PDB file of all heavy atoms in Angstrom:
ATOM      1  N   ARG A   1      -7.285  21.021  -3.371  1.00  0.00           N
ATOM      2  CA  ARG A   1      -7.292  19.586  -3.490  1.00  0.00           C
ATOM      3  C   ARG A   1      -6.174  18.869  -2.820  1.00  0.00           C
ATOM      4  O   ARG A   1      -6.338  17.819  -2.269  1.00  0.00           O
ATOM      5  CB  ARG A   1      -7.344  19.273  -5.001  1.00  0.00           C
ATOM      6  CG  ARG A   1      -7.510  17.800  -5.309  1.00  0.00           C
ATOM      7  CD  ARG A   1      -7.676  17.522  -6.814  1.00  0.00           C
ATOM      8  NE  ARG A   1      -8.034  16.117  -7.077  1.00  0.00           N
ATOM      9  CZ  ARG A   1      -7.193  15.037  -7.099  1.00  0.00           C
ATOM     10  NH1 ARG A   1      -5.931  15.218  -6.835  1.00  0.00           N
ATOM     11  NH2 ARG A   1      -7.661  13.867  -7.224  1.00  0.00           N
ATOM     12  N   LEU A   2      -4.939  19.426  -2.944  1.00  0.00           N
ATOM     13  CA  LEU A   2      -3.823  18.840  -2.356  1.00  0.00           C
ATOM     14  C   LEU A   2      -3.945  18.909  -0.786  1.00  0.00           C
ATOM     15  O   LEU A   2      -3.571  17.878  -0.150  1.00  0.00           O
ATOM     16  CB  LEU A   2      -2.576  19.657  -2.751  1.00  0.00           C
ATOM     17  CG  LEU A   2      -1.999  19.366  -4.169  1.00  0.00           C
ATOM     18  CD1 LEU A   2      -0.766  20.327  -4.490  1.00  0.00           C
ATOM     19  CD2 LEU A   2      -1.562  17.871  -4.328  1.00  0.00           C
ATOM     20  N   ALA A   3      -4.458  19.907  -0.337  1.00  0.00           N
ATOM     21  CA  ALA A   3      -4.721  20.020   1.101  1.00  0.00           C
ATOM     22  C   ALA A   3      -5.691  19.040   1.656  1.00  0.00           C
ATOM     23  O   ALA A   3      -5.507  18.420   2.727  1.00  0.00           O
ATOM     24  CB  ALA A   3      -5.172  21.497   1.526  1.00  0.00           C
ATOM     25  N   ILE A   4      -6.697  18.862   0.895  1.00  0.00           N
ATOM     26  CA  ILE A   4      -7.809  17.847   1.281  1.00  0.00           C
ATOM     27  C   ILE A   4      -7.235  16.482   1.220  1.00  0.00           C
ATOM     28  O   ILE A   4      -7.470  15.618   2.012  1.00  0.00           O
ATOM     29  CB  ILE A   4      -9.006  18.057   0.407  1.00  0.00           C
ATOM     30  CG1 ILE A   4      -9.779  19.359   0.662  1.00  0.00           C
ATOM     31  CG2 ILE A   4     -10.031  16.847   0.539  1.00  0.00           C
ATOM     32  CD1 ILE A   4     -10.776  19.746  -0.340  1.00  0.00           C
ATOM     33  N   ARG A   5      -6.456  16.099   0.185  1.00  0.00           N
ATOM     34  CA  ARG A   5      -5.968  14.850  -0.065  1.00  0.00           C
ATOM     35  C   ARG A   5      -4.605  14.457   0.684  1.00  0.00           C
ATOM     36  O   ARG A   5      -4.074  13.408   0.535  1.00  0.00           O
ATOM     37  CB  ARG A   5      -5.711  14.541  -1.531  1.00  0.00           C
ATOM     38  CG  ARG A   5      -6.939  14.695  -2.445  1.00  0.00           C
ATOM     39  CD  ARG A   5      -7.921  13.554  -2.360  1.00  0.00           C
ATOM     40  NE  ARG A   5      -7.341  12.131  -2.440  1.00  0.00           N
ATOM     41  CZ  ARG A   5      -7.150  11.547  -3.580  1.00  0.00           C
ATOM     42  NH1 ARG A   5      -7.463  12.046  -4.718  1.00  0.00           N
ATOM     43  NH2 ARG A   5      -6.706  10.299  -3.588  1.00  0.00           N
ATOM     44  N   GLU A   6      -4.081  15.434   1.386  1.00  0.00           N
ATOM     45  CA  GLU A   6      -2.834  15.248   2.120  1.00  0.00           C
ATOM     46  C   GLU A   6      -2.814  13.968   3.046  1.00  0.00           C
ATOM     47  O   GLU A   6      -1.850  13.297   3.103  1.00  0.00           O
ATOM     48  CB  GLU A   6      -2.494  16.520   2.965  1.00  0.00           C
ATOM     49  CG  GLU A   6      -1.219  16.370   3.790  1.00  0.00           C
ATOM     50  CD  GLU A   6      -0.890  17.635   4.551  1.00  0.00           C
ATOM     51  OE1 GLU A   6      -1.849  18.373   4.837  1.00  0.00           O
ATOM     52  OE2 GLU A   6       0.221  17.638   4.975  1.00  0.00           O
ATOM     53  N   LYS A   7      -3.902  13.839   3.645  1.00  0.00           N
ATOM     54  CA  LYS A   7      -4.085  12.656   4.601  1.00  0.00           C
ATOM     55  C   LYS A   7      -3.859  11.297   3.859  1.00  0.00           C
ATOM     56  O   LYS A   7      -3.381  10.397   4.430  1.00  0.00           O
ATOM     57  CB  LYS A   7      -5.419  12.596   5.309  1.00  0.00           C
ATOM     58  CG  LYS A   7      -5.616  13.674   6.224  1.00  0.00           C
ATOM     59  CD  LYS A   7      -5.127  13.193   7.628  1.00  0.00           C
ATOM     60  CE  LYS A   7      -5.397  14.307   8.674  1.00  0.00           C
ATOM     61  NZ  LYS A   7      -4.524  14.161   9.734  1.00  0.00           N
ATOM     62  N   ASP A   8      -4.181  11.257   2.573  1.00  0.00           N
ATOM     63  CA  ASP A   8      -4.070  10.060   1.757  1.00  0.00           C
ATOM     64  C   ASP A   8      -2.578   9.673   1.646  1.00  0.00           C
ATOM     65  O   ASP A   8      -2.315   8.524   1.373  1.00  0.00           O
ATOM     66  CB  ASP A   8      -4.613  10.235   0.340  1.00  0.00           C
ATOM     67  CG  ASP A   8      -6.152  10.408   0.305  1.00  0.00           C
ATOM     68  OD1 ASP A   8      -6.771  10.198   1.367  1.00  0.00           O
ATOM     69  OD2 ASP A   8      -6.622  10.839  -0.726  1.00  0.00           O
ATOM     70  N   TRP A   9      -1.706  10.601   1.819  1.00  0.00           N
ATOM     71  CA  TRP A   9      -0.300  10.333   1.577  1.00  0.00           C
ATOM     72  C   TRP A   9       0.457  10.167   2.875  1.00  0.00           C
ATOM     73  O   TRP A   9       1.774  10.134   2.827  1.00  0.00           O
ATOM     74  CB  TRP A   9       0.282  11.528   0.819  1.00  0.00           C
ATOM     75  CG  TRP A   9      -0.204  11.590  -0.669  1.00  0.00           C
ATOM     76  CD1 TRP A   9      -1.361  12.210  -0.984  1.00  0.00           C
ATOM     77  CD2 TRP A   9       0.322  10.916  -1.781  1.00  0.00           C
ATOM     78  NE1 TRP A   9      -1.540  11.988  -2.355  1.00  0.00           N
ATOM     79  CE2 TRP A   9      -0.567  11.314  -2.876  1.00  0.00           C
ATOM     80  CE3 TRP A   9       1.459  10.132  -2.042  1.00  0.00           C
ATOM     81  CZ2 TRP A   9      -0.328  10.836  -4.131  1.00  0.00           C
ATOM     82  CZ3 TRP A   9       1.701   9.763  -3.337  1.00  0.00           C
ATOM     83  CH2 TRP A   9       0.842  10.120  -4.384  1.00  0.00           C
ATOM     84  N   GLU A  10      -0.214   9.920   4.000  1.00  0.00           N
ATOM     85  CA  GLU A  10       0.505   9.777   5.316  1.00  0.00           C
ATOM     86  C   GLU A  10       1.303   8.503   5.328  1.00  0.00           C
ATOM     87  O   GLU A  10       2.493   8.665   5.858  1.00  0.00           O
ATOM     88  CB  GLU A  10      -0.539   9.660   6.374  1.00  0.00           C
ATOM     89  CG  GLU A  10      -1.080  10.974   6.895  1.00  0.00           C
ATOM     90  CD  GLU A  10      -1.987  10.839   8.041  1.00  0.00           C
ATOM     91  OE1 GLU A  10      -2.174   9.695   8.522  1.00  0.00           O
ATOM     92  OE2 GLU A  10      -2.561  11.873   8.434  1.00  0.00           O
ATOM     93  N   ASN A  11       0.858   7.401   4.773  1.00  0.00           N
ATOM     94  CA  ASN A  11       1.729   6.210   4.752  1.00  0.00           C
ATOM     95  C   ASN A  11       1.103   5.262   3.661  1.00  0.00           C
ATOM     96  O   ASN A  11       0.178   5.641   2.979  1.00  0.00           O
ATOM     97  CB  ASN A  11       1.672   5.505   6.148  1.00  0.00           C
ATOM     98  CG  ASN A  11       0.210   5.194   6.572  1.00  0.00           C
ATOM     99  OD1 ASN A  11      -0.508   4.472   5.946  1.00  0.00           O
ATOM    100  ND2 ASN A  11      -0.169   5.717   7.754  1.00  0.00           N
ATOM    101  N   PRO A  12       1.871   4.215   3.370  1.00  0.00           N
ATOM    102  CA  PRO A  12       1.454   3.313   2.236  1.00  0.00           C
ATOM    103  C   PRO A  12      -0.007   2.814   2.444  1.00  0.00           C
ATOM    104  O   PRO A  12      -0.756   2.638   1.483  1.00  0.00           O
ATOM    105  CB  PRO A  12       2.393   2.272   2.273  1.00  0.00           C
ATOM    106  CG  PRO A  12       3.621   2.859   2.901  1.00  0.00           C
ATOM    107  CD  PRO A  12       3.166   3.777   3.918  1.00  0.00           C
ATOM    108  N   MET A  13      -0.478   2.547   3.672  1.00  0.00           N
ATOM    109  CA  MET A  13      -1.802   2.028   3.833  1.00  0.00           C
ATOM    110  C   MET A  13      -2.822   3.078   3.539  1.00  0.00           C
ATOM    111  O   MET A  13      -3.779   2.735   2.918  1.00  0.00           O
ATOM    112  CB  MET A  13      -2.008   1.563   5.378  1.00  0.00           C
ATOM    113  CG  MET A  13      -3.391   0.995   5.610  1.00  0.00           C
ATOM    114  SD  MET A  13      -3.821  -0.473   4.666  1.00  0.00           S
ATOM    115  CE  MET A  13      -3.221  -1.792   5.669  1.00  0.00           C
ATOM    116  N   THR A  14      -2.750   4.336   4.023  1.00  0.00           N
ATOM    117  CA  THR A  14      -3.664   5.319   3.658  1.00  0.00           C
ATOM    118  C   THR A  14      -3.752   5.546   2.187  1.00  0.00           C
ATOM    119  O   THR A  14      -4.781   5.838   1.598  1.00  0.00           O
ATOM    120  CB  THR A  14      -3.474   6.698   4.504  1.00  0.00           C
ATOM    121  OG1 THR A  14      -2.068   7.125   4.037  1.00  0.00           O
ATOM    122  CG2 THR A  14      -3.509   6.445   5.945  1.00  0.00           C
ATOM    123  N   LEU A  15      -2.573   5.518   1.582  1.00  0.00           N
ATOM    124  CA  LEU A  15      -2.493   5.687   0.083  1.00  0.00           C
ATOM    125  C   LEU A  15      -3.287   4.542  -0.580  1.00  0.00           C
ATOM    126  O   LEU A  15      -4.022   4.694  -1.560  1.00  0.00           O
ATOM    127  CB  LEU A  15      -1.041   5.812  -0.402  1.00  0.00           C
ATOM    128  CG  LEU A  15      -0.899   6.064  -1.807  1.00  0.00           C
ATOM    129  CD1 LEU A  15      -1.510   7.399  -2.179  1.00  0.00           C
ATOM    130  CD2 LEU A  15       0.704   6.170  -2.144  1.00  0.00           C
ATOM    131  N   ALA A  16      -3.039   3.339  -0.120  1.00  0.00           N
ATOM    132  CA  ALA A  16      -3.824   2.108  -0.699  1.00  0.00           C
ATOM    133  C   ALA A  16      -5.241   2.224  -0.518  1.00  0.00           C
ATOM    134  O   ALA A  16      -5.987   1.967  -1.401  1.00  0.00           O
ATOM    135  CB  ALA A  16      -3.174   0.846  -0.144  1.00  0.00           C
ATOM    136  N   VAL A  17      -5.716   2.605   0.671  1.00  0.00           N
ATOM    137  CA  VAL A  17      -7.069   2.841   1.003  1.00  0.00           C
ATOM    138  C   VAL A  17      -7.717   3.863   0.030  1.00  0.00           C
ATOM    139  O   VAL A  17      -8.849   3.671  -0.543  1.00  0.00           O
ATOM    140  CB  VAL A  17      -7.404   3.114   2.399  1.00  0.00           C
ATOM    141  CG1 VAL A  17      -8.869   3.508   2.562  1.00  0.00           C
ATOM    142  CG2 VAL A  17      -6.965   1.925   3.324  1.00  0.00           C
ATOM    143  N   ALA A  18      -7.025   5.002  -0.162  1.00  0.00           N
ATOM    144  CA  ALA A  18      -7.470   6.026  -1.026  1.00  0.00           C
ATOM    145  C   ALA A  18      -7.566   5.603  -2.465  1.00  0.00           C
ATOM    146  O   ALA A  18      -8.420   5.919  -3.226  1.00  0.00           O
ATOM    147  CB  ALA A  18      -6.623   7.282  -0.868  1.00  0.00           C
ATOM    148  N   GLY A  19      -6.609   4.769  -2.862  1.00  0.00           N
ATOM    149  CA  GLY A  19      -6.546   4.285  -4.196  1.00  0.00           C
ATOM    150  C   GLY A  19      -7.830   3.344  -4.495  1.00  0.00           C
ATOM    151  O   GLY A  19      -8.349   3.392  -5.594  1.00  0.00           O
ATOM    152  N   THR A  20      -8.195   2.575  -3.515  1.00  0.00           N
ATOM    153  CA  THR A  20      -9.415   1.685  -3.760  1.00  0.00           C
ATOM    154  C   THR A  20     -10.667   2.520  -3.967  1.00  0.00           C
ATOM    155  O   THR A  20     -11.585   2.163  -4.590  1.00  0.00           O
ATOM    156  CB  THR A  20      -9.613   0.656  -2.667  1.00  0.00           C
ATOM    157  OG1 THR A  20      -9.843   1.433  -1.449  1.00  0.00           O
ATOM    158  CG2 THR A  20      -8.431  -0.310  -2.628  1.00  0.00           C
ATOM    159  N   LYS A  21     -10.713   3.724  -3.293  1.00  0.00           N
ATOM    160  CA  LYS A  21     -11.796   4.588  -3.474  1.00  0.00           C
ATOM    161  C   LYS A  21     -11.758   5.383  -4.785  1.00  0.00           C
ATOM    162  O   LYS A  21     -12.848   5.592  -5.313  1.00  0.00           O
ATOM    163  CB  LYS A  21     -11.919   5.446  -2.202  1.00  0.00           C
ATOM    164  CG  LYS A  21     -12.127   4.831  -0.998  1.00  0.00           C
ATOM    165  CD  LYS A  21     -12.074   5.830   0.224  1.00  0.00           C
ATOM    166  CE  LYS A  21     -12.298   5.098   1.552  1.00  0.00           C
ATOM    167  NZ  LYS A  21     -12.073   5.980   2.745  1.00  0.00           N
ATOM    168  N   THR A  22     -10.635   5.858  -5.132  1.00  0.00           N
ATOM    169  CA  THR A  22     -10.572   6.789  -6.430  1.00  0.00           C
ATOM    170  C   THR A  22     -10.443   5.816  -7.613  1.00  0.00           C
ATOM    171  O   THR A  22     -10.854   6.345  -8.665  1.00  0.00           O
ATOM    172  CB  THR A  22      -9.331   7.713  -6.327  1.00  0.00           C
ATOM    173  OG1 THR A  22      -8.092   6.934  -6.162  1.00  0.00           O
ATOM    174  CG2 THR A  22      -9.490   8.618  -5.143  1.00  0.00           C
ATOM    175  N   SER A  23      -9.915   4.578  -7.582  1.00  0.00           N
ATOM    176  CA  SER A  23      -9.761   3.749  -8.722  1.00  0.00           C
ATOM    177  C   SER A  23     -10.312   2.315  -8.338  1.00  0.00           C
ATOM    178  O   SER A  23      -9.554   1.298  -8.347  1.00  0.00           O
ATOM    179  CB  SER A  23      -8.435   3.619  -9.227  1.00  0.00           C
ATOM    180  OG  SER A  23      -7.859   4.934  -9.634  1.00  0.00           O
ATOM    181  N   PRO A  24     -11.645   2.121  -8.100  1.00  0.00           N
ATOM    182  CA  PRO A  24     -12.094   0.927  -7.558  1.00  0.00           C
ATOM    183  C   PRO A  24     -12.097  -0.194  -8.697  1.00  0.00           C
ATOM    184  O   PRO A  24     -12.244  -1.347  -8.278  1.00  0.00           O
ATOM    185  CB  PRO A  24     -13.606   1.266  -7.216  1.00  0.00           C
ATOM    186  CG  PRO A  24     -13.938   2.450  -7.984  1.00  0.00           C
ATOM    187  CD  PRO A  24     -12.604   3.293  -8.139  1.00  0.00           C
ATOM    188  N   LEU A  25     -11.838   0.138  -9.940  1.00  0.00           N
ATOM    189  CA  LEU A  25     -11.814  -0.974 -10.986  1.00  0.00           C
ATOM    190  C   LEU A  25     -10.356  -1.256 -11.424  1.00  0.00           C
ATOM    191  O   LEU A  25     -10.227  -1.729 -12.461  1.00  0.00           O
ATOM    192  CB  LEU A  25     -12.675  -0.470 -12.159  1.00  0.00           C
ATOM    193  CG  LEU A  25     -14.189  -0.388 -11.787  1.00  0.00           C
ATOM    194  CD1 LEU A  25     -14.971   0.158 -12.962  1.00  0.00           C
ATOM    195  CD2 LEU A  25     -14.759  -1.662 -11.299  1.00  0.00           C
ATOM    196  N   SER A  26      -9.440  -0.896 -10.613  1.00  0.00           N
ATOM    197  CA  SER A  26      -8.003  -1.147 -10.986  1.00  0.00           C
ATOM    198  C   SER A  26      -7.493  -2.375 -10.188  1.00  0.00           C
ATOM    199  O   SER A  26      -7.452  -2.386  -8.912  1.00  0.00           O
ATOM    200  CB  SER A  26      -7.159   0.044 -10.631  1.00  0.00           C
ATOM    201  OG  SER A  26      -5.680  -0.316 -10.669  1.00  0.00           O
ATOM    202  N   ASN A  27      -7.192  -3.503 -10.892  1.00  0.00           N
ATOM    203  CA  ASN A  27      -6.673  -4.711 -10.189  1.00  0.00           C
ATOM    204  C   ASN A  27      -5.432  -4.373  -9.537  1.00  0.00           C
ATOM    205  O   ASN A  27      -5.124  -4.960  -8.500  1.00  0.00           O
ATOM    206  CB  ASN A  27      -6.626  -5.892 -11.143  1.00  0.00           C
ATOM    207  CG  ASN A  27      -5.521  -5.765 -12.155  1.00  0.00           C
ATOM    208  OD1 ASN A  27      -4.357  -5.999 -11.872  1.00  0.00           O
ATOM    209  ND2 ASN A  27      -5.843  -5.441 -13.338  1.00  0.00           N
ATOM    210  N   LYS A  28      -4.613  -3.494 -10.084  1.00  0.00           N
ATOM    211  CA  LYS A  28      -3.358  -3.236  -9.413  1.00  0.00           C
ATOM    212  C   LYS A  28      -3.478  -2.474  -8.068  1.00  0.00           C
ATOM    213  O   LYS A  28      -2.725  -2.688  -7.194  1.00  0.00           O
ATOM    214  CB  LYS A  28      -2.513  -2.458 -10.465  1.00  0.00           C
ATOM    215  CG  LYS A  28      -1.986  -3.237 -11.606  1.00  0.00           C
ATOM    216  CD  LYS A  28      -1.137  -2.472 -12.495  1.00  0.00           C
ATOM    217  CE  LYS A  28      -0.793  -3.369 -13.777  1.00  0.00           C
ATOM    218  NZ  LYS A  28      -0.045  -2.662 -14.735  1.00  0.00           N
ATOM    219  N   ILE A  29      -4.462  -1.606  -8.083  1.00  0.00           N
ATOM    220  CA  ILE A  29      -4.664  -0.857  -6.816  1.00  0.00           C
ATOM    221  C   ILE A  29      -5.175  -1.836  -5.736  1.00  0.00           C
ATOM    222  O   ILE A  29      -4.780  -1.826  -4.621  1.00  0.00           O
ATOM    223  CB  ILE A  29      -5.765   0.230  -7.059  1.00  0.00           C
ATOM    224  CG1 ILE A  29      -5.232   1.341  -7.923  1.00  0.00           C
ATOM    225  CG2 ILE A  29      -6.293   0.815  -5.743  1.00  0.00           C
ATOM    226  CD1 ILE A  29      -4.225   2.194  -7.405  1.00  0.00           C
ATOM    227  N   TRP A  30      -6.048  -2.781  -6.076  1.00  0.00           N
ATOM    228  CA  TRP A  30      -6.470  -3.799  -5.122  1.00  0.00           C
ATOM    229  C   TRP A  30      -5.401  -4.703  -4.634  1.00  0.00           C
ATOM    230  O   TRP A  30      -5.354  -5.065  -3.529  1.00  0.00           O
ATOM    231  CB  TRP A  30      -7.737  -4.548  -5.656  1.00  0.00           C
ATOM    232  CG  TRP A  30      -8.938  -3.699  -5.502  1.00  0.00           C
ATOM    233  CD1 TRP A  30      -9.530  -2.979  -6.600  1.00  0.00           C
ATOM    234  CD2 TRP A  30      -9.788  -3.596  -4.386  1.00  0.00           C
ATOM    235  NE1 TRP A  30     -10.725  -2.359  -6.130  1.00  0.00           N
ATOM    236  CE2 TRP A  30     -10.894  -2.617  -4.732  1.00  0.00           C
ATOM    237  CE3 TRP A  30      -9.675  -3.967  -3.072  1.00  0.00           C
ATOM    238  CZ2 TRP A  30     -11.807  -2.277  -3.801  1.00  0.00           C
ATOM    239  CZ3 TRP A  30     -10.629  -3.653  -2.189  1.00  0.00           C
ATOM    240  CH2 TRP A  30     -11.735  -2.741  -2.551  1.00  0.00           C
ATOM    241  N   ASN A  31      -4.544  -5.036  -5.584  1.00  0.00           N
ATOM    242  CA  ASN A  31      -3.372  -5.946  -5.260  1.00  0.00           C
ATOM    243  C   ASN A  31      -2.420  -5.174  -4.236  1.00  0.00           C
ATOM    244  O   ASN A  31      -1.981  -5.748  -3.267  1.00  0.00           O
ATOM    245  CB  ASN A  31      -2.632  -6.472  -6.491  1.00  0.00           C
ATOM    246  CG  ASN A  31      -1.543  -7.369  -6.085  1.00  0.00           C
ATOM    247  OD1 ASN A  31      -1.843  -8.466  -5.533  1.00  0.00           O
ATOM    248  ND2 ASN A  31      -0.312  -7.014  -6.301  1.00  0.00           N
ATOM    249  N   ASN A  32      -2.178  -3.855  -4.553  1.00  0.00           N
ATOM    250  CA  ASN A  32      -1.374  -3.126  -3.698  1.00  0.00           C
ATOM    251  C   ASN A  32      -2.058  -2.964  -2.269  1.00  0.00           C
ATOM    252  O   ASN A  32      -1.307  -3.041  -1.216  1.00  0.00           O
ATOM    253  CB  ASN A  32      -1.078  -1.655  -4.216  1.00  0.00           C
ATOM    254  CG  ASN A  32      -0.316  -0.880  -3.376  1.00  0.00           C
ATOM    255  OD1 ASN A  32       0.858  -1.244  -3.101  1.00  0.00           O
ATOM    256  ND2 ASN A  32      -0.816   0.345  -3.007  1.00  0.00           N
ATOM    257  N   TYR A  33      -3.319  -2.768  -2.206  1.00  0.00           N
ATOM    258  CA  TYR A  33      -4.058  -2.703  -0.966  1.00  0.00           C
ATOM    259  C   TYR A  33      -3.853  -4.053  -0.239  1.00  0.00           C
ATOM    260  O   TYR A  33      -3.585  -4.062   0.955  1.00  0.00           O
ATOM    261  CB  TYR A  33      -5.451  -2.425  -1.270  1.00  0.00           C
ATOM    262  CG  TYR A  33      -6.397  -2.341  -0.057  1.00  0.00           C
ATOM    263  CD1 TYR A  33      -6.068  -1.575   1.099  1.00  0.00           C
ATOM    264  CD2 TYR A  33      -7.694  -2.973   0.006  1.00  0.00           C
ATOM    265  CE1 TYR A  33      -6.902  -1.555   2.206  1.00  0.00           C
ATOM    266  CE2 TYR A  33      -8.494  -2.881   1.031  1.00  0.00           C
ATOM    267  CZ  TYR A  33      -8.134  -2.088   2.154  1.00  0.00           C
ATOM    268  OH  TYR A  33      -8.920  -2.074   3.223  1.00  0.00           O
ATOM    269  N   ALA A  34      -3.969  -5.189  -0.945  1.00  0.00           N
ATOM    270  CA  ALA A  34      -3.737  -6.505  -0.298  1.00  0.00           C
ATOM    271  C   ALA A  34      -2.390  -6.607   0.269  1.00  0.00           C
ATOM    272  O   ALA A  34      -2.296  -7.073   1.399  1.00  0.00           O
ATOM    273  CB  ALA A  34      -3.899  -7.496  -1.375  1.00  0.00           C
ATOM    274  N   VAL A  35      -1.306  -6.154  -0.408  1.00  0.00           N
ATOM    275  CA  VAL A  35       0.071  -6.183   0.175  1.00  0.00           C
ATOM    276  C   VAL A  35       0.104  -5.386   1.392  1.00  0.00           C
ATOM    277  O   VAL A  35       0.777  -5.841   2.441  1.00  0.00           O
ATOM    278  CB  VAL A  35       0.998  -5.692  -0.925  1.00  0.00           C
ATOM    279  CG1 VAL A  35       2.348  -5.532  -0.381  1.00  0.00           C
ATOM    280  CG2 VAL A  35       1.044  -6.619  -2.085  1.00  0.00           C
ATOM    281  N   GLN A  36      -0.491  -4.216   1.470  1.00  0.00           N
ATOM    282  CA  GLN A  36      -0.467  -3.329   2.598  1.00  0.00           C
ATOM    283  C   GLN A  36      -1.219  -4.064   3.759  1.00  0.00           C
ATOM    284  O   GLN A  36      -0.758  -4.057   4.930  1.00  0.00           O
ATOM    285  CB  GLN A  36      -1.089  -1.988   2.436  1.00  0.00           C
ATOM    286  CG  GLN A  36      -0.363  -1.180   1.330  1.00  0.00           C
ATOM    287  CD  GLN A  36       1.135  -1.029   1.707  1.00  0.00           C
ATOM    288  OE1 GLN A  36       1.504  -0.807   2.859  1.00  0.00           O
ATOM    289  NE2 GLN A  36       2.011  -1.177   0.674  1.00  0.00           N
ATOM    290  N   LEU A  37      -2.382  -4.664   3.555  1.00  0.00           N
ATOM    291  CA  LEU A  37      -3.139  -5.356   4.518  1.00  0.00           C
ATOM    292  C   LEU A  37      -2.236  -6.571   5.068  1.00  0.00           C
ATOM    293  O   LEU A  37      -2.261  -6.763   6.287  1.00  0.00           O
ATOM    294  CB  LEU A  37      -4.390  -5.973   3.965  1.00  0.00           C
ATOM    295  CG  LEU A  37      -5.581  -4.876   3.724  1.00  0.00           C
ATOM    296  CD1 LEU A  37      -6.609  -5.487   2.818  1.00  0.00           C
ATOM    297  CD2 LEU A  37      -6.014  -4.378   5.059  1.00  0.00           C
ATOM    298  N   ALA A  38      -1.703  -7.401   4.261  1.00  0.00           N
ATOM    299  CA  ALA A  38      -0.841  -8.444   4.577  1.00  0.00           C
ATOM    300  C   ALA A  38       0.314  -8.018   5.502  1.00  0.00           C
ATOM    301  O   ALA A  38       0.631  -8.642   6.536  1.00  0.00           O
ATOM    302  CB  ALA A  38      -0.368  -9.283   3.456  1.00  0.00           C
ATOM    303  N   GLY A  39       0.937  -6.861   5.084  1.00  0.00           N
ATOM    304  CA  GLY A  39       2.021  -6.302   5.888  1.00  0.00           C
ATOM    305  C   GLY A  39       1.630  -5.878   7.247  1.00  0.00           C
ATOM    306  O   GLY A  39       2.428  -5.919   8.214  1.00  0.00           O
ATOM    307  N   ALA A  40       0.329  -5.585   7.400  1.00  0.00           N
ATOM    308  CA  ALA A  40      -0.198  -5.125   8.736  1.00  0.00           C
ATOM    309  C   ALA A  40      -0.790  -6.331   9.488  1.00  0.00           C
ATOM    310  O   ALA A  40      -1.390  -6.134  10.547  1.00  0.00           O
ATOM    311  CB  ALA A  40      -1.354  -4.135   8.555  1.00  0.00           C
ATOM    312  N   GLY A  41      -0.608  -7.525   8.922  1.00  0.00           N
ATOM    313  CA  GLY A  41      -1.084  -8.781   9.602  1.00  0.00           C
ATOM    314  C   GLY A  41      -2.465  -9.121   9.343  1.00  0.00           C
ATOM    315  O   GLY A  41      -3.035 -10.016  10.012  1.00  0.00           O
TER     316      GLY A  41
END
């Protein structure tokens, strides 16, 4: 499982994207994803 999910931990954006997939009903995960998106312009 760790080997498969290693890509999720490459950077904050991949972690945020993975979070929206694994916890799609978490407002905090979506807000974190928004912060990463904004940081990327």
